Amino acid sequence: EVFARHYAPVVRAYLRARWRGSPWLQDVPDAVQEVFLECFKQGGVLDRADPARDGGFRAFLYGTIRNVARMHEDRSTRRGEHSFPTGLEEGRAADTEATLSRIFDRAWAESLLREATHLQQERAHQSGERALKRVELLRLRFGDGLSIREIAGRWEAEPAFIHHEYAHARRDFEAALKEVVAFHHPGTPGEIERACVDLLGYLD
């Protein structure tokens, strides 16, 4: 259940993008389950995953989704059920795969950022009202796009105080993000720091 909550949105994002405009789009739920079976079966992906590999578990998951999608396509094509999806025909597959890789990376980054946000919120509930306000501050700043001065006006507070709380809120979030990244991509503090930078780069 925990595994599915973490990774199902990422798996769905890749498959929906790969099969957009094809009859296979309706097969996404079944293919998601097939990915999880490949992960959990004896001798499957989770048994073989090597955290030291470049890209960590993200690379293993991406390879698994892609392989399951190809097997699904091959089986369906042999049975004459569906033709090859538009955009994945020979000669364009490499370019399309590069696009799908970027879609996967963005979905991966968004998933981990959501997880970090939830972790920060959980800790804020334990810390008290001021910590919860810092979570709200980040939402207003990045979700609603308000400036520090606009937030200060809304909260009837001094801009200097909001700047101070904003810096604190960012530190809280960065700590949560590093903890989340360390779970998915174990390594030294320096490696985790670089993984966080790479993660944010996927959103560009």
C-alpha atoms as a PDB file:
ATOM      1  CA  GLU A   1       0.000   0.000   0.000  1.00  0.00           C
ATOM      2  CA  VAL A   2       2.806   2.409   0.883  1.00  0.00           C
ATOM      3  CA  PHE A   3       4.708   1.485  -2.277  1.00  0.00           C
ATOM      4  CA  ALA A   4       1.628   2.084  -4.436  1.00  0.00           C
ATOM      5  CA  ARG A   5       0.928   5.423  -2.788  1.00  0.00           C
ATOM      6  CA  HIS A   6       4.471   6.569  -3.520  1.00  0.00           C
ATOM      7  CA  TYR A   7       4.835   5.351  -7.069  1.00  0.00           C
ATOM      8  CA  ALA A   8       1.426   4.775  -8.712  1.00  0.00           C
ATOM      9  CA  PRO A   9       1.089   8.424  -9.850  1.00  0.00           C
ATOM     10  CA  VAL A  10       4.521   8.242 -11.495  1.00  0.00           C
ATOM     11  CA  VAL A  11       3.732   4.947 -13.244  1.00  0.00           C
ATOM     12  CA  ARG A  12       0.389   6.278 -14.498  1.00  0.00           C
ATOM     13  CA  ALA A  13       1.940   9.495 -15.799  1.00  0.00           C
ATOM     14  CA  TYR A  14       4.432   7.585 -17.957  1.00  0.00           C
ATOM     15  CA  LEU A  15       1.892   5.088 -19.319  1.00  0.00           C
ATOM     16  CA  ARG A  16      -0.719   7.742 -20.079  1.00  0.00           C
ATOM     17  CA  ALA A  17       1.862   9.779 -21.967  1.00  0.00           C
ATOM     18  CA  ARG A  18       3.165   6.741 -23.864  1.00  0.00           C
ATOM     19  CA  TRP A  19      -0.293   5.546 -24.878  1.00  0.00           C
ATOM     20  CA  ARG A  20      -1.963   8.898 -25.426  1.00  0.00           C
ATOM     21  CA  GLY A  21      -4.066   8.744 -28.593  1.00  0.00           C
ATOM     22  CA  SER A  22      -3.956   4.922 -28.751  1.00  0.00           C
ATOM     23  CA  PRO A  23      -6.502   2.235 -27.770  1.00  0.00           C
ATOM     24  CA  TRP A  24      -4.023   1.116 -25.085  1.00  0.00           C
ATOM     25  CA  LEU A  25      -4.858   4.148 -22.975  1.00  0.00           C
ATOM     26  CA  GLN A  26      -7.747   2.144 -21.496  1.00  0.00           C
ATOM     27  CA  ASP A  27      -5.234  -0.515 -20.376  1.00  0.00           C
ATOM     28  CA  VAL A  28      -3.307   1.833 -18.064  1.00  0.00           C
ATOM     29  CA  PRO A  29      -4.836   0.494 -14.784  1.00  0.00           C
ATOM     30  CA  ASP A  30      -3.961  -3.093 -15.720  1.00  0.00           C
ATOM     31  CA  ALA A  31      -0.452  -2.091 -16.771  1.00  0.00           C
ATOM     32  CA  VAL A  32       0.084  -0.246 -13.479  1.00  0.00           C
ATOM     33  CA  GLN A  33      -0.769  -3.442 -11.611  1.00  0.00           C
ATOM     34  CA  GLU A  34       1.591  -5.374 -13.872  1.00  0.00           C
ATOM     35  CA  VAL A  35       4.415  -2.980 -12.989  1.00  0.00           C
ATOM     36  CA  PHE A  36       3.794  -3.596  -9.292  1.00  0.00           C
ATOM     37  CA  LEU A  37       3.760  -7.363  -9.846  1.00  0.00           C
ATOM     38  CA  GLU A  38       7.133  -7.099 -11.594  1.00  0.00           C
ATOM     39  CA  CYS A  39       8.438  -5.167  -8.599  1.00  0.00           C
ATOM     40  CA  PHE A  40       7.167  -7.535  -5.906  1.00  0.00           C
ATOM     41  CA  LYS A  41       7.514 -10.987  -7.464  1.00  0.00           C
ATOM     42  CA  GLN A  42      10.313 -13.237  -6.232  1.00  0.00           C
ATOM     43  CA  GLY A  43      13.493 -12.218  -7.985  1.00  0.00           C
ATOM     44  CA  GLY A  44      11.743  -9.080  -9.225  1.00  0.00           C
ATOM     45  CA  VAL A  45      12.839  -5.475  -9.373  1.00  0.00           C
ATOM     46  CA  LEU A  46      12.876  -4.872  -5.630  1.00  0.00           C
ATOM     47  CA  ASP A  47      15.132  -7.892  -5.122  1.00  0.00           C
ATOM     48  CA  ARG A  48      17.529  -6.723  -7.837  1.00  0.00           C
ATOM     49  CA  ALA A  49      17.479  -2.980  -7.131  1.00  0.00           C
ATOM     50  CA  ASP A  50      20.921  -1.586  -6.370  1.00  0.00           C
ATOM     51  CA  PRO A  51      20.859   1.771  -4.539  1.00  0.00           C
ATOM     52  CA  ALA A  52      24.439   2.399  -5.667  1.00  0.00           C
ATOM     53  CA  ARG A  53      23.440   2.338  -9.333  1.00  0.00           C
ATOM     54  CA  ASP A  54      23.421   5.696 -11.079  1.00  0.00           C
ATOM     55  CA  GLY A  55      19.899   7.071 -10.754  1.00  0.00           C
ATOM     56  CA  GLY A  56      19.054   4.873  -7.760  1.00  0.00           C
ATOM     57  CA  PHE A  57      15.621   3.278  -7.585  1.00  0.00           C
ATOM     58  CA  ARG A  58      14.239   5.871 -10.000  1.00  0.00           C
ATOM     59  CA  ALA A  59      16.244   4.268 -12.821  1.00  0.00           C
ATOM     60  CA  PHE A  60      15.029   0.781 -11.861  1.00  0.00           C
ATOM     61  CA  LEU A  61      11.409   1.913 -11.759  1.00  0.00           C
ATOM     62  CA  TYR A  62      11.676   3.700 -15.096  1.00  0.00           C
ATOM     63  CA  GLY A  63      13.177   0.627 -16.747  1.00  0.00           C
ATOM     64  CA  THR A  64      10.456  -1.590 -15.287  1.00  0.00           C
ATOM     65  CA  ILE A  65       7.620   0.631 -16.520  1.00  0.00           C
ATOM     66  CA  ARG A  66       9.134   0.848 -19.989  1.00  0.00           C
ATOM     67  CA  ASN A  67       9.653  -2.919 -20.197  1.00  0.00           C
ATOM     68  CA  VAL A  68       6.118  -3.665 -19.017  1.00  0.00           C
ATOM     69  CA  ALA A  69       4.732  -1.211 -21.574  1.00  0.00           C
ATOM     70  CA  ARG A  70       6.717  -2.850 -24.375  1.00  0.00           C
ATOM     71  CA  MET A  71       5.634  -6.357 -23.331  1.00  0.00           C
ATOM     72  CA  HIS A  72       2.023  -5.197 -23.206  1.00  0.00           C
ATOM     73  CA  GLU A  73       2.327  -3.683 -26.681  1.00  0.00           C
ATOM     74  CA  ASP A  74       4.027  -6.779 -28.109  1.00  0.00           C
ATOM     75  CA  ARG A  75       1.415  -9.160 -26.693  1.00  0.00           C
ATOM     76  CA  SER A  76      -1.446  -7.018 -27.926  1.00  0.00           C
ATOM     77  CA  THR A  77       0.089  -6.559 -31.380  1.00  0.00           C
ATOM     78  CA  ARG A  78       0.703 -10.295 -31.801  1.00  0.00           C
ATOM     79  CA  ARG A  79      -2.927 -10.985 -30.921  1.00  0.00           C
ATOM     80  CA  GLY A  80      -4.022  -8.348 -33.429  1.00  0.00           C
ATOM     81  CA  GLU A  81      -5.879  -6.361 -30.778  1.00  0.00           C
ATOM     82  CA  HIS A  82      -4.251  -2.955 -31.280  1.00  0.00           C
ATOM     83  CA  SER A  83      -1.812  -1.369 -33.699  1.00  0.00           C
ATOM     84  CA  PHE A  84       1.348   0.363 -32.529  1.00  0.00           C
ATOM     85  CA  PRO A  85       0.588   3.734 -30.890  1.00  0.00           C
ATOM     86  CA  THR A  86       0.976   6.888 -32.914  1.00  0.00           C
ATOM     87  CA  GLY A  87       4.382   8.431 -32.250  1.00  0.00           C
ATOM     88  CA  LEU A  88       6.104   5.194 -31.245  1.00  0.00           C
ATOM     89  CA  GLU A  89       6.543   3.761 -34.736  1.00  0.00           C
ATOM     90  CA  GLU A  90      10.037   2.808 -35.865  1.00  0.00           C
ATOM     91  CA  GLY A  91      12.136   5.845 -36.707  1.00  0.00           C
ATOM     92  CA  ARG A  92      10.538   8.043 -34.066  1.00  0.00           C
ATOM     93  CA  ALA A  93      10.813   5.789 -31.046  1.00  0.00           C
ATOM     94  CA  ALA A  94      14.104   7.250 -29.806  1.00  0.00           C
ATOM     95  CA  ASP A  95      12.813  10.838 -29.831  1.00  0.00           C
ATOM     96  CA  THR A  96       9.562   9.750 -28.231  1.00  0.00           C
ATOM     97  CA  GLU A  97      11.389   7.819 -25.508  1.00  0.00           C
ATOM     98  CA  ALA A  98      13.412  10.924 -24.669  1.00  0.00           C
ATOM     99  CA  THR A  99      10.159  12.862 -24.253  1.00  0.00           C
ATOM    100  CA  LEU A 100       8.656  10.090 -22.127  1.00  0.00           C
ATOM    101  CA  SER A 101      11.779  10.057 -19.966  1.00  0.00           C
ATOM    102  CA  ARG A 102      11.319  13.769 -19.261  1.00  0.00           C
ATOM    103  CA  ILE A 103       7.636  13.206 -18.430  1.00  0.00           C
ATOM    104  CA  PHE A 104       8.609  10.412 -16.047  1.00  0.00           C
ATOM    105  CA  ASP A 105      11.298  12.545 -14.384  1.00  0.00           C
ATOM    106  CA  ARG A 106       8.861  15.414 -13.876  1.00  0.00           C
ATOM    107  CA  ALA A 107       6.226  13.083 -12.404  1.00  0.00           C
ATOM    108  CA  TRP A 108       8.906  11.594 -10.139  1.00  0.00           C
ATOM    109  CA  ALA A 109       9.960  15.045  -8.944  1.00  0.00           C
ATOM    110  CA  GLU A 110       6.377  16.157  -8.326  1.00  0.00           C
ATOM    111  CA  SER A 111       5.687  12.984  -6.356  1.00  0.00           C
ATOM    112  CA  LEU A 112       8.678  13.487  -4.063  1.00  0.00           C
ATOM    113  CA  LEU A 113       7.885  17.177  -3.599  1.00  0.00           C
ATOM    114  CA  ARG A 114       4.331  16.283  -2.564  1.00  0.00           C
ATOM    115  CA  GLU A 115       5.737  13.763  -0.141  1.00  0.00           C
ATOM    116  CA  ALA A 116       8.098  16.368   1.316  1.00  0.00           C
ATOM    117  CA  THR A 117       5.218  18.826   1.658  1.00  0.00           C
ATOM    118  CA  HIS A 118       3.150  16.256   3.555  1.00  0.00           C
ATOM    119  CA  LEU A 119       6.105  15.487   5.822  1.00  0.00           C
ATOM    120  CA  GLN A 120       6.582  19.181   6.576  1.00  0.00           C
ATOM    121  CA  GLN A 121       2.862  19.492   7.356  1.00  0.00           C
ATOM    122  CA  GLU A 122       2.977  16.522   9.724  1.00  0.00           C
ATOM    123  CA  ARG A 123       5.894  18.030  11.595  1.00  0.00           C
ATOM    124  CA  ALA A 124       4.202  21.414  11.688  1.00  0.00           C
ATOM    125  CA  HIS A 125       1.137  19.882  13.355  1.00  0.00           C
ATOM    126  CA  GLN A 126       3.442  18.541  16.035  1.00  0.00           C
ATOM    127  CA  SER A 127       5.308  21.844  16.451  1.00  0.00           C
ATOM    128  CA  GLY A 128       2.376  24.211  16.785  1.00  0.00           C
ATOM    129  CA  GLU A 129       0.565  27.144  15.218  1.00  0.00           C
ATOM    130  CA  ARG A 130       3.620  29.109  14.109  1.00  0.00           C
ATOM    131  CA  ALA A 131       5.012  26.128  12.165  1.00  0.00           C
ATOM    132  CA  LEU A 132       1.617  25.635  10.506  1.00  0.00           C
ATOM    133  CA  LYS A 133       1.634  29.285   9.478  1.00  0.00           C
ATOM    134  CA  ARG A 134       5.010  28.726   7.823  1.00  0.00           C
ATOM    135  CA  VAL A 135       3.497  25.904   5.762  1.00  0.00           C
ATOM    136  CA  GLU A 136       0.694  28.252   4.744  1.00  0.00           C
ATOM    137  CA  LEU A 137       3.296  30.895   3.905  1.00  0.00           C
ATOM    138  CA  LEU A 138       4.946  28.570   1.383  1.00  0.00           C
ATOM    139  CA  ARG A 139       1.572  27.740  -0.135  1.00  0.00           C
ATOM    140  CA  LEU A 140       0.745  31.417  -0.592  1.00  0.00           C
ATOM    141  CA  ARG A 141       4.193  32.173  -1.975  1.00  0.00           C
ATOM    142  CA  PHE A 142       4.472  29.302  -4.452  1.00  0.00           C
ATOM    143  CA  GLY A 143       0.916  28.023  -4.857  1.00  0.00           C
ATOM    144  CA  ASP A 144      -0.819  31.401  -5.163  1.00  0.00           C
ATOM    145  CA  GLY A 145       2.220  33.346  -6.375  1.00  0.00           C
ATOM    146  CA  LEU A 146       1.892  36.118  -3.785  1.00  0.00           C
ATOM    147  CA  SER A 147       4.874  38.303  -2.971  1.00  0.00           C
ATOM    148  CA  ILE A 148       6.247  38.612   0.541  1.00  0.00           C
ATOM    149  CA  ARG A 149       4.821  42.145   0.733  1.00  0.00           C
ATOM    150  CA  GLU A 150       1.384  40.935  -0.365  1.00  0.00           C
ATOM    151  CA  ILE A 151       1.422  38.189   2.251  1.00  0.00           C
ATOM    152  CA  ALA A 152       2.517  40.691   4.890  1.00  0.00           C
ATOM    153  CA  GLY A 153      -0.434  42.887   3.984  1.00  0.00           C
ATOM    154  CA  ARG A 154      -2.853  39.998   4.096  1.00  0.00           C
ATOM    155  CA  TRP A 155      -1.555  38.889   7.494  1.00  0.00           C
ATOM    156  CA  GLU A 156      -1.200  42.443   8.796  1.00  0.00           C
ATOM    157  CA  ALA A 157       2.441  41.759   9.671  1.00  0.00           C
ATOM    158  CA  GLU A 158       5.742  43.502   9.041  1.00  0.00           C
ATOM    159  CA  PRO A 159       7.462  42.415   5.782  1.00  0.00           C
ATOM    160  CA  ALA A 160      10.709  41.839   7.718  1.00  0.00           C
ATOM    161  CA  PHE A 161       8.937  39.324   9.945  1.00  0.00           C
ATOM    162  CA  ILE A 162       7.439  37.549   6.926  1.00  0.00           C
ATOM    163  CA  HIS A 163      10.893  37.418   5.303  1.00  0.00           C
ATOM    164  CA  HIS A 164      12.254  35.802   8.479  1.00  0.00           C
ATOM    165  CA  GLU A 165       9.428  33.250   8.613  1.00  0.00           C
ATOM    166  CA  TYR A 166       9.789  32.560   4.889  1.00  0.00           C
ATOM    167  CA  ALA A 167      13.480  31.702   5.314  1.00  0.00           C
ATOM    168  CA  HIS A 168      12.569  29.423   8.211  1.00  0.00           C
ATOM    169  CA  ALA A 169       9.820  27.786   6.154  1.00  0.00           C
ATOM    170  CA  ARG A 170      12.259  27.079   3.323  1.00  0.00           C
ATOM    171  CA  ARG A 171      14.690  25.452   5.747  1.00  0.00           C
ATOM    172  CA  ASP A 172      11.863  23.305   7.115  1.00  0.00           C
ATOM    173  CA  PHE A 173      10.930  22.204   3.605  1.00  0.00           C
ATOM    174  CA  GLU A 174      14.520  21.544   2.558  1.00  0.00           C
ATOM    175  CA  ALA A 175      14.994  19.309   5.610  1.00  0.00           C
ATOM    176  CA  ALA A 176      11.833  17.374   4.728  1.00  0.00           C
ATOM    177  CA  LEU A 177      12.880  17.076   1.093  1.00  0.00           C
ATOM    178  CA  LYS A 178      16.321  15.726   2.004  1.00  0.00           C
ATOM    179  CA  GLU A 179      14.724  13.121   4.236  1.00  0.00           C
ATOM    180  CA  VAL A 180      12.368  12.039   1.458  1.00  0.00           C
ATOM    181  CA  VAL A 181      15.145  11.937  -1.136  1.00  0.00           C
ATOM    182  CA  ALA A 182      17.361   9.934   1.233  1.00  0.00           C
ATOM    183  CA  PHE A 183      14.605   7.319   1.501  1.00  0.00           C
ATOM    184  CA  HIS A 184      14.292   6.949  -2.274  1.00  0.00           C
ATOM    185  CA  HIS A 185      17.949   7.519  -3.113  1.00  0.00           C
ATOM    186  CA  PRO A 186      20.203   6.533  -0.168  1.00  0.00           C
ATOM    187  CA  GLY A 187      23.670   8.028  -0.114  1.00  0.00           C
ATOM    188  CA  THR A 188      26.058  10.381   1.586  1.00  0.00           C
ATOM    189  CA  PRO A 189      24.869  13.878   2.573  1.00  0.00           C
ATOM    190  CA  GLY A 190      26.659  15.251  -0.485  1.00  0.00           C
ATOM    191  CA  GLU A 191      24.974  12.734  -2.786  1.00  0.00           C
ATOM    192  CA  ILE A 192      21.576  13.511  -1.293  1.00  0.00           C
ATOM    193  CA  GLU A 193      22.219  17.218  -1.779  1.00  0.00           C
ATOM    194  CA  ARG A 194      23.042  16.637  -5.448  1.00  0.00           C
ATOM    195  CA  ALA A 195      19.983  14.402  -5.835  1.00  0.00           C
ATOM    196  CA  CYS A 196      17.806  17.250  -4.502  1.00  0.00           C
ATOM    197  CA  VAL A 197      19.307  19.640  -7.060  1.00  0.00           C
ATOM    198  CA  ASP A 198      18.691  17.099  -9.839  1.00  0.00           C
ATOM    199  CA  LEU A 199      15.142  16.625  -8.619  1.00  0.00           C
ATOM    200  CA  LEU A 200      14.334  20.318  -8.877  1.00  0.00           C
ATOM    201  CA  GLY A 201      15.973  20.363 -12.297  1.00  0.00           C
ATOM    202  CA  TYR A 202      13.390  17.865 -13.556  1.00  0.00           C
ATOM    203  CA  LEU A 203      10.730  20.549 -13.094  1.00  0.00           C
ATOM    204  CA  ASP A 204      12.362  23.001 -15.529  1.00  0.00           C
END
